[in-house]
Amino acid sequence: MTAPAALRYFLTYRGIALPLVLTEELAPEALRHRNTYFRAAYDAQGRMLWVEKLVYDEVEMRHDYRWADDGSLCGATVSMPDEEPRELRPGG
C-alpha cells in the first residue's frame, strides 16, 4: 500500500462521480470548530487514496480508491458503519 503524501481537510464535496470532488479546504487548526468535515489522504501524484466523512469525530463514510498505473481510477470501496462495504467502478 502506498503511504499518503499528505492529509487534507475539507468542508464538503460536489458531484456524484468517483472520486469525490472535495471543496472548501480547511486548515487543520479550523477542525476544532467543526462537527462535520472530510479528511482525505493523497499520494505523491496528487491522487486521492481515501476519504472519510467525520461527524463528531466518528467516521460516517469512507471511500478507498484504487488507481491504475496510467493514473485512471480502477475502482472504490465504500464503507459505512453497520453496512457491508460496497465495491464501485467508475461510471457505474
Protein backbone atom coordinates (compact mmCIF):
# COMPACT_ATOMS: atom_id res chain seq x y z
CA MET A 1 0.00 0.00 0.00
CA THR A 2 1.28 3.44 -0.92
CA ALA A 3 1.89 5.78 2.01
CA PRO A 4 -0.03 9.05 1.78
CA ALA A 5 1.97 12.14 0.86
CA ALA A 6 -0.48 14.48 2.57
CA LEU A 7 -3.62 14.62 4.67
CA ARG A 8 -6.03 17.40 3.76
CA TYR A 9 -9.36 18.53 5.22
CA PHE A 10 -12.48 19.86 3.52
CA LEU A 11 -15.91 21.18 4.39
CA THR A 12 -17.92 19.48 1.66
CA TYR A 13 -17.92 17.90 -1.80
CA ARG A 14 -19.74 18.37 -5.11
CA GLY A 15 -20.96 15.99 -7.76
CA ILE A 16 -21.59 12.27 -7.58
CA ALA A 17 -18.76 10.88 -9.72
CA LEU A 18 -15.79 9.00 -8.33
CA PRO A 19 -13.52 10.10 -6.83
CA LEU A 20 -15.40 12.64 -4.78
CA VAL A 21 -14.54 16.26 -5.62
CA LEU A 22 -13.82 17.85 -2.26
CA THR A 23 -14.31 21.60 -1.88
CA GLU A 24 -13.69 24.37 0.63
CA GLU A 25 -10.37 23.20 2.06
CA LEU A 26 -9.94 23.69 5.80
CA ALA A 27 -6.74 24.35 7.73
CA PRO A 28 -6.06 21.66 10.38
CA GLU A 29 -6.46 24.24 13.17
CA ALA A 30 -10.00 25.02 11.93
CA LEU A 31 -11.18 21.47 12.68
CA ARG A 32 -11.71 22.08 16.38
CA HIS A 33 -14.62 24.37 15.43
CA ARG A 34 -16.26 21.82 13.09
CA ASN A 35 -18.62 18.98 13.91
CA THR A 36 -18.59 17.62 10.34
CA TYR A 37 -15.77 17.60 7.79
CA PHE A 38 -13.96 15.40 5.28
CA ARG A 39 -10.41 14.07 5.75
CA ALA A 40 -8.53 12.77 2.71
CA ALA A 41 -5.11 11.26 2.02
CA TYR A 42 -3.28 11.92 -1.24
CA ASP A 43 -0.29 10.19 -2.80
CA ALA A 44 2.76 11.94 -4.27
CA GLN A 45 0.98 12.21 -7.66
CA GLY A 46 -1.94 14.07 -6.07
CA ARG A 47 -4.37 11.15 -6.36
CA MET A 48 -6.83 10.71 -3.51
CA LEU A 49 -6.13 7.40 -1.77
CA TRP A 50 -9.03 7.56 0.67
CA VAL A 51 -11.56 10.00 2.08
CA GLU A 52 -13.58 9.89 5.28
CA LYS A 53 -16.57 11.92 6.37
CA LEU A 54 -16.27 12.62 10.07
CA VAL A 55 -19.24 13.63 12.22
CA TYR A 56 -18.44 14.39 15.86
CA ASP A 57 -15.08 12.58 15.36
CA GLU A 58 -16.80 9.38 14.19
CA VAL A 59 -16.27 8.05 10.66
CA GLU A 60 -19.68 8.12 8.98
CA MET A 61 -18.47 7.13 5.50
CA ARG A 62 -15.19 6.11 3.88
CA HIS A 63 -14.09 5.68 0.25
CA ASP A 64 -10.87 3.80 -0.57
CA TYR A 65 -9.71 4.40 -4.16
CA ARG A 66 -7.65 2.16 -6.44
CA TRP A 67 -5.65 3.67 -9.31
CA ALA A 68 -4.15 2.16 -12.46
CA ASP A 69 -0.56 2.81 -13.49
CA ASP A 70 -1.82 5.26 -16.14
CA GLY A 71 -3.50 7.38 -13.43
CA SER A 72 -7.07 6.33 -14.16
CA LEU A 73 -9.41 5.28 -11.37
CA CYS A 74 -9.91 1.50 -11.26
CA GLY A 75 -12.49 1.34 -8.50
CA ALA A 76 -13.51 2.24 -4.98
CA THR A 77 -14.62 0.53 -1.82
CA VAL A 78 -17.34 2.47 0.01
CA SER A 79 -17.73 1.70 3.71
CA MET A 80 -20.39 2.92 6.13
CA PRO A 81 -20.99 1.90 9.74
CA ASP A 82 -23.23 -1.14 10.17
CA GLU A 83 -23.21 -1.93 6.42
CA GLU A 84 -21.19 -4.27 4.26
CA PRO A 85 -18.58 -2.45 2.14
CA ARG A 86 -19.62 -1.89 -1.48
CA GLU A 87 -17.34 -2.10 -4.50
CA LEU A 88 -17.88 0.58 -7.13
CA ARG A 89 -16.37 1.10 -10.59
CA PRO A 90 -16.02 4.45 -12.36
CA GLY A 91 -19.13 5.29 -14.34
CA GLY A 92 -21.06 2.50 -12.68
